[in-house]
Amino acid sequence: MEIKNISKKPLKVPLPGGKSLFLGPNAKGQVSDKSAEHPPFQEMVESGEIEVIVGGRAKTTGSLSDSKGISGSNTGKSGGAAMRKSGDR
């Protein structure tokens, strides 16, 4: 499940098990369905500080098609650290 900080300040979102998710202004994050049932989390949703985004998977499908075009244009460039040889020479 995807959530978004719709306030203008950084938030510390309480999660079950004593964990927290830190979200900057207008930032998005991923939480489990179990987290949505956590009472402090629900209070933040009801107060309007965070928004639960339904159908977040549809948005990632669109962004994958954009990344294919970017990777296709970078195929002609020579490599970085992965292309270096190591060992005795």
C-alpha atoms as a PDB file:
ATOM      1  CA  MET A   1       0.000   0.000   0.000  1.00  0.00           C
ATOM      2  CA  GLU A   2       1.333   3.410  -0.911  1.00  0.00           C
ATOM      3  CA  ILE A   3       0.957   6.513   1.249  1.00  0.00           C
ATOM      4  CA  LYS A   4       1.781  10.179   0.647  1.00  0.00           C
ATOM      5  CA  ASN A   5       2.651  12.974   3.045  1.00  0.00           C
ATOM      6  CA  ILE A   6       0.315  15.814   2.066  1.00  0.00           C
ATOM      7  CA  SER A   7       1.466  18.194   4.798  1.00  0.00           C
ATOM      8  CA  LYS A   8       4.197  20.790   4.341  1.00  0.00           C
ATOM      9  CA  LYS A   9       6.403  19.318   7.077  1.00  0.00           C
ATOM     10  CA  PRO A  10       8.355  16.069   7.499  1.00  0.00           C
ATOM     11  CA  LEU A  11       6.392  13.349   9.273  1.00  0.00           C
ATOM     12  CA  LYS A  12       7.245  10.394  11.450  1.00  0.00           C
ATOM     13  CA  VAL A  13       4.550   7.809  10.682  1.00  0.00           C
ATOM     14  CA  PRO A  14       4.101   5.269  13.518  1.00  0.00           C
ATOM     15  CA  LEU A  15       3.976   1.636  12.413  1.00  0.00           C
ATOM     16  CA  PRO A  16       3.273  -1.589  14.338  1.00  0.00           C
ATOM     17  CA  GLY A  17       6.134  -3.143  16.281  1.00  0.00           C
ATOM     18  CA  GLY A  18       7.553   0.200  17.394  1.00  0.00           C
ATOM     19  CA  LYS A  19       8.799   1.034  13.893  1.00  0.00           C
ATOM     20  CA  SER A  20       8.443   4.355  12.099  1.00  0.00           C
ATOM     21  CA  LEU A  21       8.457   5.622   8.543  1.00  0.00           C
ATOM     22  CA  PHE A  22       9.906   9.080   7.933  1.00  0.00           C
ATOM     23  CA  LEU A  23       8.326  10.997   5.055  1.00  0.00           C
ATOM     24  CA  GLY A  24       9.392  14.402   3.806  1.00  0.00           C
ATOM     25  CA  PRO A  25       6.898  16.937   2.439  1.00  0.00           C
ATOM     26  CA  ASN A  26       4.991  15.519  -0.560  1.00  0.00           C
ATOM     27  CA  ALA A  27       6.991  12.272  -0.295  1.00  0.00           C
ATOM     28  CA  LYS A  28       5.542   8.815  -0.913  1.00  0.00           C
ATOM     29  CA  GLY A  29       6.247   5.587   0.920  1.00  0.00           C
ATOM     30  CA  GLN A  30       5.207   1.960   1.105  1.00  0.00           C
ATOM     31  CA  VAL A  31       3.524   0.344   4.124  1.00  0.00           C
ATOM     32  CA  SER A  32       1.966  -3.069   4.670  1.00  0.00           C
ATOM     33  CA  ASP A  33      -1.776  -3.663   4.942  1.00  0.00           C
ATOM     34  CA  LYS A  34      -1.214  -4.537   8.611  1.00  0.00           C
ATOM     35  CA  SER A  35       0.116  -1.007   9.184  1.00  0.00           C
ATOM     36  CA  ALA A  36      -3.137   0.495   7.904  1.00  0.00           C
ATOM     37  CA  GLU A  37      -4.963  -1.108  10.827  1.00  0.00           C
ATOM     38  CA  HIS A  38      -2.579   0.432  13.394  1.00  0.00           C
ATOM     39  CA  PRO A  39      -4.557   3.030  15.461  1.00  0.00           C
ATOM     40  CA  PRO A  40      -1.884   5.816  15.430  1.00  0.00           C
ATOM     41  CA  PHE A  41      -1.574   5.383  11.652  1.00  0.00           C
ATOM     42  CA  GLN A  42      -5.351   5.669  11.250  1.00  0.00           C
ATOM     43  CA  GLU A  43      -5.341   8.877  13.322  1.00  0.00           C
ATOM     44  CA  MET A  44      -2.852  10.460  10.906  1.00  0.00           C
ATOM     45  CA  VAL A  45      -5.021   9.485   7.927  1.00  0.00           C
ATOM     46  CA  GLU A  46      -8.158  10.892   9.586  1.00  0.00           C
ATOM     47  CA  SER A  47      -6.380  14.138  10.506  1.00  0.00           C
ATOM     48  CA  GLY A  48      -5.383  14.646   6.856  1.00  0.00           C
ATOM     49  CA  GLU A  49      -1.604  14.529   7.358  1.00  0.00           C
ATOM     50  CA  ILE A  50      -1.144  11.471   5.155  1.00  0.00           C
ATOM     51  CA  GLU A  51      -3.118  10.108   2.232  1.00  0.00           C
ATOM     52  CA  VAL A  52      -3.532   6.460   1.264  1.00  0.00           C
ATOM     53  CA  ILE A  53      -3.085   6.029  -2.486  1.00  0.00           C
ATOM     54  CA  VAL A  54      -5.287   3.323  -3.959  1.00  0.00           C
ATOM     55  CA  GLY A  55      -4.165   1.735  -7.214  1.00  0.00           C
ATOM     56  CA  GLY A  56      -0.486   2.662  -6.821  1.00  0.00           C
ATOM     57  CA  ARG A  57       0.525  -0.300  -8.987  1.00  0.00           C
ATOM     58  CA  ALA A  58      -1.036   1.263 -12.052  1.00  0.00           C
ATOM     59  CA  LYS A  59       1.282   4.262 -11.697  1.00  0.00           C
ATOM     60  CA  THR A  60       4.409   2.111 -11.544  1.00  0.00           C
ATOM     61  CA  THR A  61       3.448   0.419 -14.808  1.00  0.00           C
ATOM     62  CA  GLY A  62       3.512   3.797 -16.581  1.00  0.00           C
ATOM     63  CA  SER A  63       6.864   4.718 -15.109  1.00  0.00           C
ATOM     64  CA  LEU A  64       8.391   1.442 -16.272  1.00  0.00           C
ATOM     65  CA  SER A  65       7.614   2.284 -19.876  1.00  0.00           C
ATOM     66  CA  ASP A  66       9.380   5.630 -19.426  1.00  0.00           C
ATOM     67  CA  SER A  67      12.477   3.961 -17.980  1.00  0.00           C
ATOM     68  CA  LYS A  68      12.721   1.643 -20.993  1.00  0.00           C
ATOM     69  CA  GLY A  69      13.168   4.641 -23.275  1.00  0.00           C
ATOM     70  CA  ILE A  70      15.867   6.049 -21.044  1.00  0.00           C
ATOM     71  CA  SER A  71      17.806   2.800 -20.834  1.00  0.00           C
ATOM     72  CA  GLY A  72      17.575   2.339 -24.613  1.00  0.00           C
ATOM     73  CA  SER A  73      19.258   5.688 -25.232  1.00  0.00           C
ATOM     74  CA  ASN A  74      22.095   4.845 -22.823  1.00  0.00           C
ATOM     75  CA  THR A  75      23.085   1.602 -24.539  1.00  0.00           C
ATOM     76  CA  GLY A  76      25.777   3.291 -26.644  1.00  0.00           C
ATOM     77  CA  LYS A  77      27.664   4.766 -23.707  1.00  0.00           C
ATOM     78  CA  SER A  78      30.681   2.989 -22.274  1.00  0.00           C
ATOM     79  CA  GLY A  79      30.565   1.664 -18.746  1.00  0.00           C
ATOM     80  CA  GLY A  80      31.414   2.733 -15.281  1.00  0.00           C
ATOM     81  CA  ALA A  81      32.641   0.702 -12.334  1.00  0.00           C
ATOM     82  CA  ALA A  82      30.998  -2.508 -13.584  1.00  0.00           C
ATOM     83  CA  MET A  83      33.116  -2.473 -16.763  1.00  0.00           C
ATOM     84  CA  ARG A  84      36.502  -2.200 -15.021  1.00  0.00           C
ATOM     85  CA  LYS A  85      38.744  -5.203 -14.879  1.00  0.00           C
ATOM     86  CA  SER A  86      40.318  -6.248 -11.635  1.00  0.00           C
ATOM     87  CA  GLY A  87      43.102  -8.565 -10.573  1.00  0.00           C
ATOM     88  CA  ASP A  88      46.768  -8.952 -11.509  1.00  0.00           C
ATOM     89  CA  ARG A  89      47.860  -7.466 -14.818  1.00  0.00           C
END
